[in-house]
Amino acid sequence: MKRFLYRFGFEGPVEWEENQRHGWDGESSDAFWVIADNQEEALAWGREVSEAMVHEFFKRSGWEEKVIPSWKEAGYANWVEDPPSPEFTNDLLASLLVVEKGKCRTI
C-alpha cells in the first residue's frame, strides 16, 4: 500500500452559521494521509473520513444529530495532492493524521 496526501474543504459549525446568516461562502481546509492501494481508493476513503470528521466537529459543538449538515451532500472540494504543495513543510507533513483504507480514526 502507498501513502496519499488527501486534502478537503469544509465548513465548521461557526463558518456554517455565519455563511447561512450572511450569505457568505467561507470555508476551511484540512489534510491527512490515506494509506491505500491506489489514488482512487485514497480519494474514496478520504471522502468517508471527511464526512466523519466534519460530523464530529458539529457534534462536539453541541449540534443535534438530525441537523448536522452532510459534508458529502454539500459537495466540497477534495483531492489527492502529489507532490504536496510548498505550504506543507516536512514537519507539518509528519504531524498529519494517518488513516488506513477501511479504518476511521478521525479526530
N, C-alpha and C. Protein backbone atom coordinates (compact mmCIF):
# COMPACT_ATOMS: atom_id res chain seq x y z
N MET A 1 0.84 -1.18 0.00
CA MET A 1 0.00 0.00 0.00
C MET A 1 0.88 1.24 0.00
N LYS A 2 0.30 2.34 -0.43
CA LYS A 2 1.03 3.59 -0.57
C LYS A 2 0.33 4.67 0.26
N ARG A 3 1.08 5.69 0.63
CA ARG A 3 0.54 6.81 1.40
C ARG A 3 0.22 7.96 0.45
N PHE A 4 -1.04 8.47 0.53
CA PHE A 4 -1.51 9.56 -0.32
C PHE A 4 -1.91 10.75 0.54
N LEU A 5 -1.50 11.95 0.13
CA LEU A 5 -1.91 13.16 0.84
C LEU A 5 -3.28 13.57 0.32
N TYR A 6 -4.27 13.49 1.19
CA TYR A 6 -5.66 13.82 0.85
C TYR A 6 -5.99 15.18 1.45
N ARG A 7 -6.57 16.06 0.63
CA ARG A 7 -6.97 17.40 1.10
C ARG A 7 -8.45 17.60 0.84
N PHE A 8 -9.08 18.38 1.71
CA PHE A 8 -10.52 18.61 1.56
C PHE A 8 -10.94 19.94 2.16
N GLY A 9 -11.97 20.52 1.57
CA GLY A 9 -12.58 21.73 2.09
C GLY A 9 -13.80 21.38 2.92
N PHE A 10 -14.18 22.28 3.81
CA PHE A 10 -15.36 22.06 4.66
C PHE A 10 -15.75 23.35 5.36
N GLU A 11 -16.95 23.38 5.89
CA GLU A 11 -17.38 24.44 6.79
C GLU A 11 -17.48 23.85 8.18
N GLY A 12 -16.86 24.49 9.15
CA GLY A 12 -17.05 24.12 10.54
C GLY A 12 -18.34 24.74 11.03
N PRO A 13 -18.74 24.44 12.26
CA PRO A 13 -20.00 24.94 12.79
C PRO A 13 -20.14 26.46 12.74
N VAL A 14 -19.12 27.18 13.16
CA VAL A 14 -19.21 28.65 13.16
C VAL A 14 -19.28 29.18 11.74
N GLU A 15 -18.43 28.65 10.86
CA GLU A 15 -18.47 29.08 9.45
C GLU A 15 -19.84 28.80 8.84
N TRP A 16 -20.39 27.63 9.11
CA TRP A 16 -21.68 27.27 8.54
C TRP A 16 -22.75 28.26 8.99
N GLU A 17 -22.76 28.56 10.30
CA GLU A 17 -23.76 29.50 10.82
C GLU A 17 -23.58 30.90 10.22
N GLU A 18 -22.34 31.37 10.15
CA GLU A 18 -22.06 32.70 9.59
C GLU A 18 -22.42 32.75 8.10
N ASN A 19 -22.06 31.71 7.37
CA ASN A 19 -22.39 31.66 5.95
C ASN A 19 -23.90 31.68 5.73
N GLN A 20 -24.63 30.92 6.54
CA GLN A 20 -26.09 30.90 6.44
C GLN A 20 -26.68 32.27 6.78
N ARG A 21 -26.18 32.87 7.83
CA ARG A 21 -26.71 34.14 8.31
C ARG A 21 -26.44 35.29 7.34
N HIS A 22 -25.23 35.32 6.76
CA HIS A 22 -24.82 36.48 5.97
C HIS A 22 -24.72 36.21 4.48
N GLY A 23 -24.98 34.98 4.05
CA GLY A 23 -24.85 34.65 2.64
C GLY A 23 -23.41 34.57 2.17
N TRP A 24 -22.51 34.33 3.10
CA TRP A 24 -21.09 34.20 2.76
C TRP A 24 -20.81 32.79 2.25
N ASP A 25 -19.57 32.58 1.81
CA ASP A 25 -19.20 31.23 1.37
C ASP A 25 -17.82 30.83 1.88
N GLY A 26 -17.48 31.27 3.07
CA GLY A 26 -16.20 30.92 3.66
C GLY A 26 -16.11 29.44 3.99
N GLU A 27 -14.93 28.91 3.85
CA GLU A 27 -14.72 27.52 4.27
C GLU A 27 -13.27 27.32 4.66
N SER A 28 -13.03 26.25 5.35
CA SER A 28 -11.70 25.86 5.80
C SER A 28 -11.22 24.69 4.96
N SER A 29 -9.99 24.30 5.19
CA SER A 29 -9.48 23.09 4.54
C SER A 29 -8.60 22.35 5.53
N ASP A 30 -8.40 21.09 5.26
CA ASP A 30 -7.56 20.26 6.11
C ASP A 30 -6.93 19.19 5.23
N ALA A 31 -6.05 18.42 5.81
CA ALA A 31 -5.36 17.36 5.06
C ALA A 31 -5.01 16.23 6.02
N PHE A 32 -4.90 15.05 5.46
CA PHE A 32 -4.41 13.89 6.20
C PHE A 32 -3.88 12.87 5.19
N TRP A 33 -3.14 11.92 5.69
CA TRP A 33 -2.61 10.85 4.86
C TRP A 33 -3.60 9.70 4.82
N VAL A 34 -3.77 9.11 3.64
CA VAL A 34 -4.57 7.90 3.49
C VAL A 34 -3.65 6.80 2.94
N ILE A 35 -3.64 5.68 3.62
CA ILE A 35 -2.88 4.53 3.15
C ILE A 35 -3.86 3.66 2.36
N ALA A 36 -3.56 3.50 1.06
CA ALA A 36 -4.45 2.75 0.17
C ALA A 36 -3.63 2.14 -0.96
N ASP A 37 -4.28 1.30 -1.74
CA ASP A 37 -3.61 0.66 -2.87
C ASP A 37 -3.37 1.61 -4.04
N ASN A 38 -4.31 2.57 -4.22
CA ASN A 38 -4.18 3.48 -5.35
C ASN A 38 -4.90 4.80 -5.05
N GLN A 39 -4.74 5.75 -5.94
CA GLN A 39 -5.29 7.09 -5.72
C GLN A 39 -6.82 7.08 -5.63
N GLU A 40 -7.48 6.27 -6.44
CA GLU A 40 -8.94 6.21 -6.42
C GLU A 40 -9.44 5.71 -5.06
N GLU A 41 -8.79 4.68 -4.53
CA GLU A 41 -9.17 4.19 -3.20
C GLU A 41 -8.90 5.24 -2.13
N ALA A 42 -7.79 5.96 -2.27
CA ALA A 42 -7.47 7.01 -1.30
C ALA A 42 -8.52 8.12 -1.33
N LEU A 43 -8.94 8.52 -2.52
CA LEU A 43 -10.00 9.53 -2.63
C LEU A 43 -11.29 9.05 -2.01
N ALA A 44 -11.69 7.83 -2.34
CA ALA A 44 -12.95 7.30 -1.82
C ALA A 44 -12.92 7.21 -0.30
N TRP A 45 -11.82 6.71 0.25
CA TRP A 45 -11.75 6.59 1.71
C TRP A 45 -11.59 7.96 2.36
N GLY A 46 -10.85 8.85 1.71
CA GLY A 46 -10.73 10.22 2.22
C GLY A 46 -12.08 10.88 2.37
N ARG A 47 -12.97 10.64 1.42
CA ARG A 47 -14.32 11.23 1.49
C ARG A 47 -15.10 10.66 2.68
N GLU A 48 -14.95 9.38 2.93
CA GLU A 48 -15.64 8.78 4.09
C GLU A 48 -15.13 9.39 5.40
N VAL A 49 -13.82 9.53 5.50
CA VAL A 49 -13.23 10.10 6.71
C VAL A 49 -13.60 11.57 6.85
N SER A 50 -13.62 12.31 5.74
CA SER A 50 -14.01 13.72 5.79
C SER A 50 -15.43 13.87 6.33
N GLU A 51 -16.34 13.04 5.85
CA GLU A 51 -17.72 13.07 6.33
C GLU A 51 -17.74 12.85 7.85
N ALA A 52 -17.01 11.85 8.32
CA ALA A 52 -16.99 11.54 9.75
C ALA A 52 -16.34 12.66 10.56
N MET A 53 -15.27 13.24 10.05
CA MET A 53 -14.58 14.31 10.78
C MET A 53 -15.47 15.54 10.94
N VAL A 54 -16.08 15.95 9.83
CA VAL A 54 -16.92 17.15 9.89
C VAL A 54 -18.14 16.89 10.77
N HIS A 55 -18.71 15.70 10.68
CA HIS A 55 -19.83 15.35 11.56
C HIS A 55 -19.40 15.48 13.03
N GLU A 56 -18.21 14.99 13.34
CA GLU A 56 -17.71 15.06 14.71
C GLU A 56 -17.48 16.51 15.16
N PHE A 57 -16.98 17.37 14.26
CA PHE A 57 -16.80 18.79 14.60
C PHE A 57 -18.13 19.39 15.06
N PHE A 58 -19.20 19.13 14.30
CA PHE A 58 -20.51 19.68 14.64
C PHE A 58 -21.05 19.05 15.93
N LYS A 59 -20.89 17.76 16.07
CA LYS A 59 -21.37 17.06 17.27
C LYS A 59 -20.70 17.62 18.52
N ARG A 60 -19.39 17.84 18.44
CA ARG A 60 -18.66 18.37 19.60
C ARG A 60 -19.03 19.81 19.91
N SER A 61 -19.63 20.49 18.95
CA SER A 61 -20.09 21.86 19.16
C SER A 61 -21.52 21.91 19.67
N GLY A 62 -22.09 20.73 19.97
CA GLY A 62 -23.42 20.68 20.57
C GLY A 62 -24.57 20.59 19.58
N TRP A 63 -24.29 20.34 18.32
CA TRP A 63 -25.36 20.22 17.34
C TRP A 63 -26.08 18.89 17.51
N GLU A 64 -27.39 18.91 17.28
CA GLU A 64 -28.18 17.69 17.32
C GLU A 64 -27.93 16.88 16.05
N GLU A 65 -27.90 15.57 16.20
CA GLU A 65 -27.62 14.67 15.08
C GLU A 65 -28.45 14.99 13.84
N LYS A 66 -29.74 15.24 14.03
CA LYS A 66 -30.64 15.38 12.88
C LYS A 66 -30.42 16.66 12.08
N VAL A 67 -29.69 17.62 12.63
CA VAL A 67 -29.48 18.88 11.90
C VAL A 67 -28.05 19.09 11.44
N ILE A 68 -27.18 18.13 11.69
CA ILE A 68 -25.78 18.26 11.25
C ILE A 68 -25.74 18.13 9.73
N PRO A 69 -25.19 19.13 9.04
CA PRO A 69 -25.13 19.05 7.58
C PRO A 69 -24.16 17.96 7.11
N SER A 70 -24.47 17.37 5.98
CA SER A 70 -23.63 16.32 5.40
C SER A 70 -22.52 16.94 4.56
N TRP A 71 -21.29 16.57 4.87
CA TRP A 71 -20.15 17.04 4.08
C TRP A 71 -20.28 16.52 2.65
N LYS A 72 -20.63 15.26 2.49
CA LYS A 72 -20.74 14.67 1.15
C LYS A 72 -21.80 15.38 0.31
N GLU A 73 -22.96 15.60 0.90
CA GLU A 73 -24.05 16.23 0.15
C GLU A 73 -23.72 17.66 -0.25
N ALA A 74 -22.88 18.33 0.53
CA ALA A 74 -22.52 19.72 0.23
C ALA A 74 -21.56 19.82 -0.96
N GLY A 75 -20.89 18.73 -1.30
CA GLY A 75 -20.03 18.71 -2.48
C GLY A 75 -18.75 19.53 -2.38
N TYR A 76 -18.11 19.51 -1.23
CA TYR A 76 -16.87 20.26 -1.05
C TYR A 76 -15.74 19.69 -1.90
N ALA A 77 -14.79 20.53 -2.20
CA ALA A 77 -13.61 20.11 -2.95
C ALA A 77 -12.82 19.09 -2.14
N ASN A 78 -12.25 18.12 -2.84
CA ASN A 78 -11.37 17.13 -2.20
C ASN A 78 -10.50 16.53 -3.29
N TRP A 79 -9.26 16.24 -2.93
CA TRP A 79 -8.31 15.75 -3.93
C TRP A 79 -7.11 15.10 -3.25
N VAL A 80 -6.40 14.32 -4.03
CA VAL A 80 -5.10 13.79 -3.61
C VAL A 80 -4.06 14.70 -4.21
N GLU A 81 -3.13 15.13 -3.40
CA GLU A 81 -2.10 16.08 -3.85
C GLU A 81 -0.75 15.39 -3.91
N ASP A 82 -0.19 15.35 -5.12
CA ASP A 82 1.11 14.70 -5.30
C ASP A 82 1.87 15.44 -6.39
N PRO A 83 2.92 16.11 -6.05
CA PRO A 83 3.53 16.20 -4.72
C PRO A 83 2.81 17.23 -3.86
N PRO A 84 3.06 17.22 -2.56
CA PRO A 84 2.46 18.21 -1.67
C PRO A 84 2.89 19.63 -2.07
N SER A 85 1.97 20.58 -1.92
CA SER A 85 2.31 21.97 -2.22
C SER A 85 3.35 22.47 -1.22
N PRO A 86 4.07 23.54 -1.60
CA PRO A 86 5.16 24.04 -0.75
C PRO A 86 4.72 24.49 0.65
N GLU A 87 3.45 24.77 0.84
CA GLU A 87 2.98 25.17 2.17
C GLU A 87 3.16 24.06 3.20
N PHE A 88 3.29 22.83 2.73
CA PHE A 88 3.48 21.70 3.63
C PHE A 88 4.97 21.46 3.87
N THR A 89 5.41 21.88 5.02
CA THR A 89 6.80 21.62 5.40
C THR A 89 6.93 20.14 5.78
N ASN A 90 8.15 19.66 5.87
CA ASN A 90 8.35 18.27 6.29
C ASN A 90 7.78 18.03 7.68
N ASP A 91 7.95 19.00 8.59
CA ASP A 91 7.41 18.86 9.94
C ASP A 91 5.88 18.78 9.92
N LEU A 92 5.25 19.63 9.10
CA LEU A 92 3.79 19.61 9.01
C LEU A 92 3.31 18.28 8.42
N LEU A 93 3.95 17.82 7.37
CA LEU A 93 3.56 16.54 6.77
C LEU A 93 3.69 15.40 7.78
N ALA A 94 4.74 15.44 8.58
CA ALA A 94 4.96 14.39 9.58
C ALA A 94 3.91 14.42 10.69
N SER A 95 3.28 15.58 10.90
CA SER A 95 2.32 15.71 12.00
C SER A 95 0.88 15.38 11.60
N LEU A 96 0.63 15.16 10.31
CA LEU A 96 -0.75 14.92 9.86
C LEU A 96 -1.27 13.56 10.29
N LEU A 97 -2.56 13.50 10.50
CA LEU A 97 -3.27 12.26 10.79
C LEU A 97 -3.01 11.26 9.66
N VAL A 98 -2.86 9.99 10.01
CA VAL A 98 -2.70 8.92 9.03
C VAL A 98 -3.85 7.94 9.24
N VAL A 99 -4.61 7.66 8.17
CA VAL A 99 -5.68 6.67 8.25
C VAL A 99 -5.46 5.62 7.18
N GLU A 100 -5.77 4.40 7.52
CA GLU A 100 -5.67 3.31 6.56
C GLU A 100 -7.04 3.06 5.95
N LYS A 101 -7.06 2.76 4.66
CA LYS A 101 -8.32 2.46 3.97
C LYS A 101 -9.11 1.45 4.79
N GLY A 102 -10.38 1.78 5.05
CA GLY A 102 -11.25 0.87 5.80
C GLY A 102 -11.28 1.14 7.29
N LYS A 103 -10.40 2.01 7.77
CA LYS A 103 -10.37 2.35 9.20
C LYS A 103 -10.67 3.83 9.34
N CYS A 104 -11.33 4.21 10.41
CA CYS A 104 -11.76 5.60 10.51
C CYS A 104 -11.42 6.22 11.86
N ARG A 105 -10.17 6.35 12.15
CA ARG A 105 -9.74 7.12 13.31
C ARG A 105 -9.75 8.57 12.86
N THR A 106 -10.58 9.39 13.45
CA THR A 106 -10.71 10.75 12.95
C THR A 106 -9.97 11.75 13.82
N ILE A 107 -10.67 12.41 14.72
CA ILE A 107 -10.01 13.48 15.47
C ILE A 107 -9.87 13.12 16.93
